[in-house]
Amino acid sequence: MLESKFEKQLIRELEREYPGAVVLKNNANMLQGFPDRLILFKNRWAAFDAKAFEYASHQPNQDYYIDLLNSMSYAKFVYPENKELFLDELQLALRPKRGSRLLKR
């Protein structure tokens, strides 16, 4: 499957799973290697870069930014072989943190 087709299907699935979420396409010319997509959902966010398959090549700095953003919230390379794992981990990353309702008082 082409990367663009996989990414398009994945975004449609994310928009169904997370109503009201904003899925942004980042500008590759602004910051080389920054993940292609950012998902904003309520007060949470995650970044991801879709690949056609597990061993698809990475651009310079992609691994750095995936690791950096994952340390801040959640970021991952996603491809057909790990899509279900990505969706499971994303669900955990986008859910409210325990005690966050106390912050709204």
PDB file of N, CA and C in Angstrom:
ATOM      1  N   MET A   1       0.847  -1.176   0.000  1.00  0.00           N
ATOM      2  CA  MET A   1       0.000   0.000   0.000  1.00  0.00           C
ATOM      3  C   MET A   1       0.895   1.243   0.000  1.00  0.00           C
ATOM      4  N   LEU A   2       0.519   2.221  -0.769  1.00  0.00           N
ATOM      5  CA  LEU A   2       1.254   3.476  -0.796  1.00  0.00           C
ATOM      6  C   LEU A   2       1.125   4.197   0.545  1.00  0.00           C
ATOM      7  N   GLU A   3       2.172   4.927   0.917  1.00  0.00           N
ATOM      8  CA  GLU A   3       2.160   5.669   2.173  1.00  0.00           C
ATOM      9  C   GLU A   3       0.999   6.660   2.210  1.00  0.00           C
ATOM     10  N   SER A   4       0.759   7.360   1.122  1.00  0.00           N
ATOM     11  CA  SER A   4      -0.303   8.373   1.097  1.00  0.00           C
ATOM     12  C   SER A   4      -1.680   7.756   1.302  1.00  0.00           C
ATOM     13  N   LYS A   5      -1.907   6.581   0.729  1.00  0.00           N
ATOM     14  CA  LYS A   5      -3.199   5.906   0.898  1.00  0.00           C
ATOM     15  C   LYS A   5      -3.361   5.436   2.345  1.00  0.00           C
ATOM     16  N   PHE A   6      -2.317   4.862   2.909  1.00  0.00           N
ATOM     17  CA  PHE A   6      -2.357   4.413   4.303  1.00  0.00           C
ATOM     18  C   PHE A   6      -2.613   5.598   5.228  1.00  0.00           C
ATOM     19  N   GLU A   7      -1.903   6.702   5.011  1.00  0.00           N
ATOM     20  CA  GLU A   7      -2.061   7.882   5.854  1.00  0.00           C
ATOM     21  C   GLU A   7      -3.487   8.436   5.760  1.00  0.00           C
ATOM     22  N   LYS A   8      -4.036   8.486   4.570  1.00  0.00           N
ATOM     23  CA  LYS A   8      -5.391   8.997   4.375  1.00  0.00           C
ATOM     24  C   LYS A   8      -6.414   8.130   5.123  1.00  0.00           C
ATOM     25  N   GLN A   9      -6.288   6.814   5.018  1.00  0.00           N
ATOM     26  CA  GLN A   9      -7.188   5.896   5.734  1.00  0.00           C
ATOM     27  C   GLN A   9      -7.040   6.053   7.244  1.00  0.00           C
ATOM     28  N   LEU A  10      -5.811   6.193   7.708  1.00  0.00           N
ATOM     29  CA  LEU A  10      -5.543   6.338   9.133  1.00  0.00           C
ATOM     30  C   LEU A  10      -6.173   7.627   9.667  1.00  0.00           C
ATOM     31  N   ILE A  11      -6.041   8.705   8.934  1.00  0.00           N
ATOM     32  CA  ILE A  11      -6.614   9.983   9.380  1.00  0.00           C
ATOM     33  C   ILE A  11      -8.131   9.888   9.445  1.00  0.00           C
ATOM     34  N   ARG A  12      -8.756   9.260   8.465  1.00  0.00           N
ATOM     35  CA  ARG A  12     -10.210   9.080   8.522  1.00  0.00           C
ATOM     36  C   ARG A  12     -10.611   8.288   9.767  1.00  0.00           C
ATOM     37  N   GLU A  13      -9.853   7.246  10.076  1.00  0.00           N
ATOM     38  CA  GLU A  13     -10.142   6.437  11.264  1.00  0.00           C
ATOM     39  C   GLU A  13      -9.968   7.262  12.545  1.00  0.00           C
ATOM     40  N   LEU A  14      -8.939   8.078  12.607  1.00  0.00           N
ATOM     41  CA  LEU A  14      -8.712   8.926  13.781  1.00  0.00           C
ATOM     42  C   LEU A  14      -9.831   9.951  13.939  1.00  0.00           C
ATOM     43  N   GLU A  15     -10.289  10.524  12.852  1.00  0.00           N
ATOM     44  CA  GLU A  15     -11.373  11.508  12.923  1.00  0.00           C
ATOM     45  C   GLU A  15     -12.685  10.873  13.377  1.00  0.00           C
ATOM     46  N   ARG A  16     -12.906   9.614  13.034  1.00  0.00           N
ATOM     47  CA  ARG A  16     -14.096   8.897  13.536  1.00  0.00           C
ATOM     48  C   ARG A  16     -13.947   8.567  15.018  1.00  0.00           C
ATOM     49  N   GLU A  17     -12.772   8.136  15.402  1.00  0.00           N
ATOM     50  CA  GLU A  17     -12.516   7.709  16.780  1.00  0.00           C
ATOM     51  C   GLU A  17     -12.472   8.884  17.757  1.00  0.00           C
ATOM     52  N   TYR A  18     -12.016  10.043  17.270  1.00  0.00           N
ATOM     53  CA  TYR A  18     -11.853  11.215  18.123  1.00  0.00           C
ATOM     54  C   TYR A  18     -12.636  12.397  17.536  1.00  0.00           C
ATOM     55  N   PRO A  19     -13.964  12.395  17.726  1.00  0.00           N
ATOM     56  CA  PRO A  19     -14.781  13.488  17.185  1.00  0.00           C
ATOM     57  C   PRO A  19     -14.311  14.835  17.732  1.00  0.00           C
ATOM     58  N   GLY A  20     -14.192  15.787  16.858  1.00  0.00           N
ATOM     59  CA  GLY A  20     -13.742  17.109  17.259  1.00  0.00           C
ATOM     60  C   GLY A  20     -12.232  17.279  17.246  1.00  0.00           C
ATOM     61  N   ALA A  21     -11.498  16.193  17.018  1.00  0.00           N
ATOM     62  CA  ALA A  21     -10.038  16.295  16.968  1.00  0.00           C
ATOM     63  C   ALA A  21      -9.614  17.085  15.733  1.00  0.00           C
ATOM     64  N   VAL A  22      -8.479  17.720  15.841  1.00  0.00           N
ATOM     65  CA  VAL A  22      -7.881  18.422  14.709  1.00  0.00           C
ATOM     66  C   VAL A  22      -6.619  17.647  14.341  1.00  0.00           C
ATOM     67  N   VAL A  23      -6.557  17.200  13.094  1.00  0.00           N
ATOM     68  CA  VAL A  23      -5.374  16.499  12.601  1.00  0.00           C
ATOM     69  C   VAL A  23      -4.688  17.431  11.611  1.00  0.00           C
ATOM     70  N   LEU A  24      -3.520  17.909  11.988  1.00  0.00           N
ATOM     71  CA  LEU A  24      -2.788  18.879  11.185  1.00  0.00           C
ATOM     72  C   LEU A  24      -1.682  18.220  10.385  1.00  0.00           C
ATOM     73  N   LYS A  25      -1.440  18.753   9.199  1.00  0.00           N
ATOM     74  CA  LYS A  25      -0.281  18.347   8.410  1.00  0.00           C
ATOM     75  C   LYS A  25       0.776  19.419   8.610  1.00  0.00           C
ATOM     76  N   ASN A  26       1.919  19.010   9.105  1.00  0.00           N
ATOM     77  CA  ASN A  26       3.001  19.951   9.361  1.00  0.00           C
ATOM     78  C   ASN A  26       3.755  20.264   8.066  1.00  0.00           C
ATOM     79  N   ASN A  27       4.366  21.420   8.017  1.00  0.00           N
ATOM     80  CA  ASN A  27       5.120  21.864   6.861  1.00  0.00           C
ATOM     81  C   ASN A  27       6.541  21.316   6.950  1.00  0.00           C
ATOM     82  N   ALA A  28       6.869  20.399   6.068  1.00  0.00           N
ATOM     83  CA  ALA A  28       8.182  19.758   6.091  1.00  0.00           C
ATOM     84  C   ALA A  28       9.314  20.753   5.842  1.00  0.00           C
ATOM     85  N   ASN A  29       9.022  21.880   5.228  1.00  0.00           N
ATOM     86  CA  ASN A  29      10.060  22.871   4.940  1.00  0.00           C
ATOM     87  C   ASN A  29      10.409  23.729   6.156  1.00  0.00           C
ATOM     88  N   MET A  30       9.562  23.708   7.168  1.00  0.00           N
ATOM     89  CA  MET A  30       9.792  24.541   8.353  1.00  0.00           C
ATOM     90  C   MET A  30      10.839  23.942   9.287  1.00  0.00           C
ATOM     91  N   LEU A  31      10.746  22.632   9.528  1.00  0.00           N
ATOM     92  CA  LEU A  31      11.641  21.983  10.482  1.00  0.00           C
ATOM     93  C   LEU A  31      11.913  20.568   9.969  1.00  0.00           C
ATOM     94  N   GLN A  32      13.076  20.370   9.385  1.00  0.00           N
ATOM     95  CA  GLN A  32      13.396  19.094   8.757  1.00  0.00           C
ATOM     96  C   GLN A  32      13.319  17.942   9.755  1.00  0.00           C
ATOM     97  N   GLY A  33      12.559  16.925   9.398  1.00  0.00           N
ATOM     98  CA  GLY A  33      12.447  15.735  10.219  1.00  0.00           C
ATOM     99  C   GLY A  33      11.308  15.751  11.214  1.00  0.00           C
ATOM    100  N   PHE A  34      10.635  16.884  11.363  1.00  0.00           N
ATOM    101  CA  PHE A  34       9.499  16.954  12.284  1.00  0.00           C
ATOM    102  C   PHE A  34       8.388  16.055  11.761  1.00  0.00           C
ATOM    103  N   PRO A  35       7.671  15.345  12.644  1.00  0.00           N
ATOM    104  CA  PRO A  35       6.620  14.427  12.178  1.00  0.00           C
ATOM    105  C   PRO A  35       5.602  15.122  11.267  1.00  0.00           C
ATOM    106  N   ASP A  36       5.112  14.374  10.309  1.00  0.00           N
ATOM    107  CA  ASP A  36       4.181  14.915   9.312  1.00  0.00           C
ATOM    108  C   ASP A  36       2.839  15.326   9.896  1.00  0.00           C
ATOM    109  N   ARG A  37       2.396  14.662  10.949  1.00  0.00           N
ATOM    110  CA  ARG A  37       1.046  14.910  11.471  1.00  0.00           C
ATOM    111  C   ARG A  37       1.059  15.179  12.968  1.00  0.00           C
ATOM    112  N   LEU A  38       0.116  16.042  13.350  1.00  0.00           N
ATOM    113  CA  LEU A  38      -0.109  16.365  14.756  1.00  0.00           C
ATOM    114  C   LEU A  38      -1.607  16.226  14.994  1.00  0.00           C
ATOM    115  N   ILE A  39      -1.992  15.528  16.045  1.00  0.00           N
ATOM    116  CA  ILE A  39      -3.410  15.400  16.390  1.00  0.00           C
ATOM    117  C   ILE A  39      -3.640  16.126  17.712  1.00  0.00           C
ATOM    118  N   LEU A  40      -4.603  17.028  17.683  1.00  0.00           N
ATOM    119  CA  LEU A  40      -4.986  17.800  18.870  1.00  0.00           C
ATOM    120  C   LEU A  40      -6.368  17.330  19.278  1.00  0.00           C
ATOM    121  N   PHE A  41      -6.505  16.904  20.522  1.00  0.00           N
ATOM    122  CA  PHE A  41      -7.784  16.392  21.003  1.00  0.00           C
ATOM    123  C   PHE A  41      -8.004  16.861  22.429  1.00  0.00           C
ATOM    124  N   LYS A  42      -9.017  17.695  22.591  1.00  0.00           N
ATOM    125  CA  LYS A  42      -9.321  18.317  23.886  1.00  0.00           C
ATOM    126  C   LYS A  42      -8.059  19.010  24.376  1.00  0.00           C
ATOM    127  N   ASN A  43      -7.538  18.636  25.516  1.00  0.00           N
ATOM    128  CA  ASN A  43      -6.332  19.303  26.013  1.00  0.00           C
ATOM    129  C   ASN A  43      -5.088  18.418  25.869  1.00  0.00           C
ATOM    130  N   ARG A  44      -5.110  17.496  24.920  1.00  0.00           N
ATOM    131  CA  ARG A  44      -4.010  16.549  24.714  1.00  0.00           C
ATOM    132  C   ARG A  44      -3.537  16.633  23.267  1.00  0.00           C
ATOM    133  N   TRP A  45      -2.344  16.121  23.008  1.00  0.00           N
ATOM    134  CA  TRP A  45      -1.825  16.098  21.647  1.00  0.00           C
ATOM    135  C   TRP A  45      -0.907  14.899  21.450  1.00  0.00           C
ATOM    136  N   ALA A  46      -0.710  14.555  20.190  1.00  0.00           N
ATOM    137  CA  ALA A  46       0.220  13.497  19.813  1.00  0.00           C
ATOM    138  C   ALA A  46       0.722  13.798  18.403  1.00  0.00           C
ATOM    139  N   ALA A  47       1.872  13.263  18.070  1.00  0.00           N
ATOM    140  CA  ALA A  47       2.446  13.440  16.738  1.00  0.00           C
ATOM    141  C   ALA A  47       2.727  12.067  16.146  1.00  0.00           C
ATOM    142  N   PHE A  48       2.637  11.993  14.837  1.00  0.00           N
ATOM    143  CA  PHE A  48       2.972  10.731  14.186  1.00  0.00           C
ATOM    144  C   PHE A  48       3.446  10.972  12.766  1.00  0.00           C
ATOM    145  N   ASP A  49       4.162   9.987  12.275  1.00  0.00           N
ATOM    146  CA  ASP A  49       4.625  10.003  10.902  1.00  0.00           C
ATOM    147  C   ASP A  49       4.240   8.665  10.291  1.00  0.00           C
ATOM    148  N   ALA A  50       3.428   8.695   9.261  1.00  0.00           N
ATOM    149  CA  ALA A  50       2.975   7.465   8.606  1.00  0.00           C
ATOM    150  C   ALA A  50       4.043   6.984   7.623  1.00  0.00           C
ATOM    151  N   LYS A  51       4.236   5.690   7.606  1.00  0.00           N
ATOM    152  CA  LYS A  51       5.173   5.047   6.685  1.00  0.00           C
ATOM    153  C   LYS A  51       4.444   3.914   5.972  1.00  0.00           C
ATOM    154  N   ALA A  52       4.889   3.587   4.784  1.00  0.00           N
ATOM    155  CA  ALA A  52       4.249   2.540   3.992  1.00  0.00           C
ATOM    156  C   ALA A  52       4.480   1.147   4.590  1.00  0.00           C
ATOM    157  N   PHE A  53       5.623   0.971   5.239  1.00  0.00           N
ATOM    158  CA  PHE A  53       5.953  -0.324   5.845  1.00  0.00           C
ATOM    159  C   PHE A  53       6.992  -0.105   6.939  1.00  0.00           C
ATOM    160  N   GLU A  54       7.196  -1.114   7.740  1.00  0.00           N
ATOM    161  CA  GLU A  54       8.037  -0.995   8.929  1.00  0.00           C
ATOM    162  C   GLU A  54       9.456  -0.512   8.640  1.00  0.00           C
ATOM    163  N   TYR A  55      10.051  -0.976   7.564  1.00  0.00           N
ATOM    164  CA  TYR A  55      11.455  -0.644   7.299  1.00  0.00           C
ATOM    165  C   TYR A  55      11.613   0.451   6.244  1.00  0.00           C
ATOM    166  N   ALA A  56      10.580   1.263   6.065  1.00  0.00           N
ATOM    167  CA  ALA A  56      10.680   2.406   5.150  1.00  0.00           C
ATOM    168  C   ALA A  56      11.740   3.363   5.677  1.00  0.00           C
ATOM    169  N   SER A  57      12.407   4.047   4.766  1.00  0.00           N
ATOM    170  CA  SER A  57      13.489   4.945   5.183  1.00  0.00           C
ATOM    171  C   SER A  57      12.954   6.130   5.975  1.00  0.00           C
ATOM    172  N   HIS A  58      13.809   6.635   6.845  1.00  0.00           N
ATOM    173  CA  HIS A  58      13.508   7.815   7.652  1.00  0.00           C
ATOM    174  C   HIS A  58      14.354   8.962   7.122  1.00  0.00           C
ATOM    175  N   GLN A  59      13.785  10.150   7.130  1.00  0.00           N
ATOM    176  CA  GLN A  59      14.501  11.354   6.736  1.00  0.00           C
ATOM    177  C   GLN A  59      15.416  11.786   7.883  1.00  0.00           C
ATOM    178  N   PRO A  60      16.430  12.607   7.571  1.00  0.00           N
ATOM    179  CA  PRO A  60      17.297  13.105   8.647  1.00  0.00           C
ATOM    180  C   PRO A  60      16.456  13.786   9.735  1.00  0.00           C
ATOM    181  N   ASN A  61      16.810  13.538  10.958  1.00  0.00           N
ATOM    182  CA  ASN A  61      16.205  14.130  12.162  1.00  0.00           C
ATOM    183  C   ASN A  61      14.845  13.536  12.544  1.00  0.00           C
ATOM    184  N   GLN A  62      14.244  12.686  11.732  1.00  0.00           N
ATOM    185  CA  GLN A  62      12.926  12.137  12.089  1.00  0.00           C
ATOM    186  C   GLN A  62      12.971  11.358  13.390  1.00  0.00           C
ATOM    187  N   ASP A  63      13.957  10.507  13.553  1.00  0.00           N
ATOM    188  CA  ASP A  63      14.048   9.715  14.784  1.00  0.00           C
ATOM    189  C   ASP A  63      14.235  10.626  15.998  1.00  0.00           C
ATOM    190  N   TYR A  64      15.041  11.668  15.839  1.00  0.00           N
ATOM    191  CA  TYR A  64      15.265  12.625  16.925  1.00  0.00           C
ATOM    192  C   TYR A  64      13.939  13.251  17.362  1.00  0.00           C
ATOM    193  N   TYR A  65      13.153  13.765  16.406  1.00  0.00           N
ATOM    194  CA  TYR A  65      11.916  14.449  16.769  1.00  0.00           C
ATOM    195  C   TYR A  65      10.845  13.494  17.297  1.00  0.00           C
ATOM    196  N   ILE A  66      10.778  12.292  16.767  1.00  0.00           N
ATOM    197  CA  ILE A  66       9.830  11.307  17.313  1.00  0.00           C
ATOM    198  C   ILE A  66      10.181  11.022  18.769  1.00  0.00           C
ATOM    199  N   ASP A  67      11.458  10.820  19.054  1.00  0.00           N
ATOM    200  CA  ASP A  67      11.888  10.553  20.434  1.00  0.00           C
ATOM    201  C   ASP A  67      11.627  11.761  21.337  1.00  0.00           C
ATOM    202  N   LEU A  68      11.958  12.952  20.869  1.00  0.00           N
ATOM    203  CA  LEU A  68      11.755  14.165  21.657  1.00  0.00           C
ATOM    204  C   LEU A  68      10.274  14.374  21.972  1.00  0.00           C
ATOM    205  N   LEU A  69       9.419  14.307  20.956  1.00  0.00           N
ATOM    206  CA  LEU A  69       7.993  14.541  21.166  1.00  0.00           C
ATOM    207  C   LEU A  69       7.354  13.430  21.987  1.00  0.00           C
ATOM    208  N   ASN A  70       7.863  12.222  21.855  1.00  0.00           N
ATOM    209  CA  ASN A  70       7.336  11.121  22.659  1.00  0.00           C
ATOM    210  C   ASN A  70       7.661  11.342  24.136  1.00  0.00           C
ATOM    211  N   SER A  71       8.776  11.980  24.425  1.00  0.00           N
ATOM    212  CA  SER A  71       9.112  12.275  25.828  1.00  0.00           C
ATOM    213  C   SER A  71       8.220  13.379  26.394  1.00  0.00           C
ATOM    214  N   MET A  72       7.623  14.193  25.531  1.00  0.00           N
ATOM    215  CA  MET A  72       6.748  15.287  25.969  1.00  0.00           C
ATOM    216  C   MET A  72       5.302  14.842  26.089  1.00  0.00           C
ATOM    217  N   SER A  73       4.846  14.017  25.158  1.00  0.00           N
ATOM    218  CA  SER A  73       3.465  13.543  25.135  1.00  0.00           C
ATOM    219  C   SER A  73       3.441  12.161  24.511  1.00  0.00           C
ATOM    220  N   TYR A  74       3.212  12.095  23.206  1.00  0.00           N
ATOM    221  CA  TYR A  74       3.231  10.813  22.499  1.00  0.00           C
ATOM    222  C   TYR A  74       3.576  11.063  21.043  1.00  0.00           C
ATOM    223  N   ALA A  75       4.492  10.279  20.504  1.00  0.00           N
ATOM    224  CA  ALA A  75       4.861  10.354  19.098  1.00  0.00           C
ATOM    225  C   ALA A  75       5.355   8.989  18.650  1.00  0.00           C
ATOM    226  N   LYS A  76       5.069   8.670  17.392  1.00  0.00           N
ATOM    227  CA  LYS A  76       5.436   7.343  16.893  1.00  0.00           C
ATOM    228  C   LYS A  76       5.436   7.342  15.373  1.00  0.00           C
ATOM    229  N   PHE A  77       6.271   6.465  14.808  1.00  0.00           N
ATOM    230  CA  PHE A  77       6.143   6.111  13.402  1.00  0.00           C
ATOM    231  C   PHE A  77       5.033   5.081  13.339  1.00  0.00           C
ATOM    232  N   VAL A  78       4.117   5.229  12.408  1.00  0.00           N
ATOM    233  CA  VAL A  78       3.022   4.273  12.285  1.00  0.00           C
ATOM    234  C   VAL A  78       2.988   3.745  10.857  1.00  0.00           C
ATOM    235  N   TYR A  79       2.802   2.443  10.741  1.00  0.00           N
ATOM    236  CA  TYR A  79       2.760   1.748   9.455  1.00  0.00           C
ATOM    237  C   TYR A  79       1.757   0.614   9.609  1.00  0.00           C
ATOM    238  N   PRO A  80       1.331   0.005   8.510  1.00  0.00           N
ATOM    239  CA  PRO A  80       0.267  -1.007   8.617  1.00  0.00           C
ATOM    240  C   PRO A  80       0.537  -2.096   9.657  1.00  0.00           C
ATOM    241  N   GLU A  81       1.793  -2.504   9.802  1.00  0.00           N
ATOM    242  CA  GLU A  81       2.112  -3.598  10.721  1.00  0.00           C
ATOM    243  C   GLU A  81       1.962  -3.216  12.196  1.00  0.00           C
ATOM    244  N   ASN A  82       2.037  -1.929  12.545  1.00  0.00           N
ATOM    245  CA  ASN A  82       1.909  -1.541  13.961  1.00  0.00           C
ATOM    246  C   ASN A  82       0.715  -0.618  14.202  1.00  0.00           C
ATOM    247  N   LYS A  83      -0.181  -0.525  13.232  1.00  0.00           N
ATOM    248  CA  LYS A  83      -1.305   0.400  13.339  1.00  0.00           C
ATOM    249  C   LYS A  83      -2.155   0.140  14.581  1.00  0.00           C
ATOM    250  N   GLU A  84      -2.472  -1.099  14.873  1.00  0.00           N
ATOM    251  CA  GLU A  84      -3.312  -1.414  16.035  1.00  0.00           C
ATOM    252  C   GLU A  84      -2.611  -1.049  17.336  1.00  0.00           C
ATOM    253  N   LEU A  85      -1.324  -1.314  17.423  1.00  0.00           N
ATOM    254  CA  LEU A  85      -0.551  -0.904  18.601  1.00  0.00           C
ATOM    255  C   LEU A  85      -0.557   0.616  18.725  1.00  0.00           C
ATOM    256  N   PHE A  86      -0.346   1.320  17.622  1.00  0.00           N
ATOM    257  CA  PHE A  86      -0.391   2.780  17.611  1.00  0.00           C
ATOM    258  C   PHE A  86      -1.734   3.278  18.126  1.00  0.00           C
ATOM    259  N   LEU A  87      -2.829   2.725  17.634  1.00  0.00           N
ATOM    260  CA  LEU A  87      -4.156   3.168  18.058  1.00  0.00           C
ATOM    261  C   LEU A  87      -4.391   2.915  19.544  1.00  0.00           C
ATOM    262  N   ASP A  88      -3.913   1.777  20.049  1.00  0.00           N
ATOM    263  CA  ASP A  88      -4.031   1.478  21.483  1.00  0.00           C
ATOM    264  C   ASP A  88      -3.226   2.473  22.321  1.00  0.00           C
ATOM    265  N   GLU A  89      -1.982   2.724  21.917  1.00  0.00           N
ATOM    266  CA  GLU A  89      -1.135   3.654  22.657  1.00  0.00           C
ATOM    267  C   GLU A  89      -1.673   5.087  22.561  1.00  0.00           C
ATOM    268  N   LEU A  90      -2.183   5.446  21.401  1.00  0.00           N
ATOM    269  CA  LEU A  90      -2.747   6.780  21.217  1.00  0.00           C
ATOM    270  C   LEU A  90      -3.939   6.997  22.139  1.00  0.00           C
ATOM    271  N   GLN A  91      -4.759   5.971  22.283  1.00  0.00           N
ATOM    272  CA  GLN A  91      -5.920   6.068  23.171  1.00  0.00           C
ATOM    273  C   GLN A  91      -5.472   6.388  24.599  1.00  0.00           C
ATOM    274  N   LEU A  92      -4.416   5.750  25.041  1.00  0.00           N
ATOM    275  CA  LEU A  92      -3.888   6.033  26.380  1.00  0.00           C
ATOM    276  C   LEU A  92      -3.306   7.445  26.455  1.00  0.00           C
ATOM    277  N   ALA A  93      -2.631   7.873  25.400  1.00  0.00           N
ATOM    278  CA  ALA A  93      -1.992   9.193  25.401  1.00  0.00           C
ATOM    279  C   ALA A  93      -3.007  10.334  25.373  1.00  0.00           C
ATOM    280  N   LEU A  94      -4.144  10.114  24.736  1.00  0.00           N
ATOM    281  CA  LEU A  94      -5.119  11.198  24.575  1.00  0.00           C
ATOM    282  C   LEU A  94      -6.195  11.226  25.655  1.00  0.00           C
ATOM    283  N   ARG A  95      -6.193  10.243  26.523  1.00  0.00           N
ATOM    284  CA  ARG A  95      -7.213  10.270  27.578  1.00  0.00           C
ATOM    285  C   ARG A  95      -6.791  11.267  28.657  1.00  0.00           C
ATOM    286  N   PRO A  96      -7.762  11.798  29.385  1.00  0.00           N
ATOM    287  CA  PRO A  96      -7.431  12.749  30.456  1.00  0.00           C
ATOM    288  C   PRO A  96      -6.554  12.086  31.517  1.00  0.00           C
ATOM    289  N   LYS A  97      -5.642  12.849  32.045  1.00  0.00           N
ATOM    290  CA  LYS A  97      -4.807  12.353  33.131  1.00  0.00           C
ATOM    291  C   LYS A  97      -5.633  12.270  34.401  1.00  0.00           C
ATOM    292  N   ARG A  98      -5.321  11.310  35.236  1.00  0.00           N
ATOM    293  CA  ARG A  98      -6.014  11.155  36.506  1.00  0.00           C
ATOM    294  C   ARG A  98      -5.883  12.449  37.308  1.00  0.00           C
ATOM    295  N   GLY A  99      -6.999  12.921  37.817  1.00  0.00           N
ATOM    296  CA  GLY A  99      -6.994  14.139  38.606  1.00  0.00           C
ATOM    297  C   GLY A  99      -7.161  15.403  37.782  1.00  0.00           C
ATOM    298  N   SER A 100      -7.211  15.277  36.448  1.00  0.00           N
ATOM    299  CA  SER A 100      -7.320  16.480  35.623  1.00  0.00           C
ATOM    300  C   SER A 100      -8.649  17.188  35.829  1.00  0.00           C
ATOM    301  N   ARG A 101      -9.676  16.464  36.257  1.00  0.00           N
ATOM    302  CA  ARG A 101     -10.963  17.114  36.502  1.00  0.00           C
ATOM    303  C   ARG A 101     -10.862  18.090  37.667  1.00  0.00           C
ATOM    304  N   LEU A 102      -9.905  17.849  38.574  1.00  0.00           N
ATOM    305  CA  LEU A 102      -9.715  18.747  39.719  1.00  0.00           C
ATOM    306  C   LEU A 102      -9.171  20.100  39.264  1.00  0.00           C
ATOM    307  N   LEU A 103      -8.455  20.113  38.142  1.00  0.00           N
ATOM    308  CA  LEU A 103      -7.876  21.353  37.634  1.00  0.00           C
ATOM    309  C   LEU A 103      -8.942  22.275  37.062  1.00  0.00           C
ATOM    310  N   LYS A 104     -10.089  21.752  36.730  1.00  0.00           N
ATOM    311  CA  LYS A 104     -11.148  22.538  36.098  1.00  0.00           C
ATOM    312  C   LYS A 104     -12.045  23.245  37.101  1.00  0.00           C
ATOM    313  N   ARG A 105     -11.862  22.995  38.361  1.00  0.00           N
ATOM    314  CA  ARG A 105     -12.701  23.612  39.398  1.00  0.00           C
ATOM    315  C   ARG A 105     -12.361  25.053  39.594  1.00  0.00           C
TER     316      ARG A 105
END
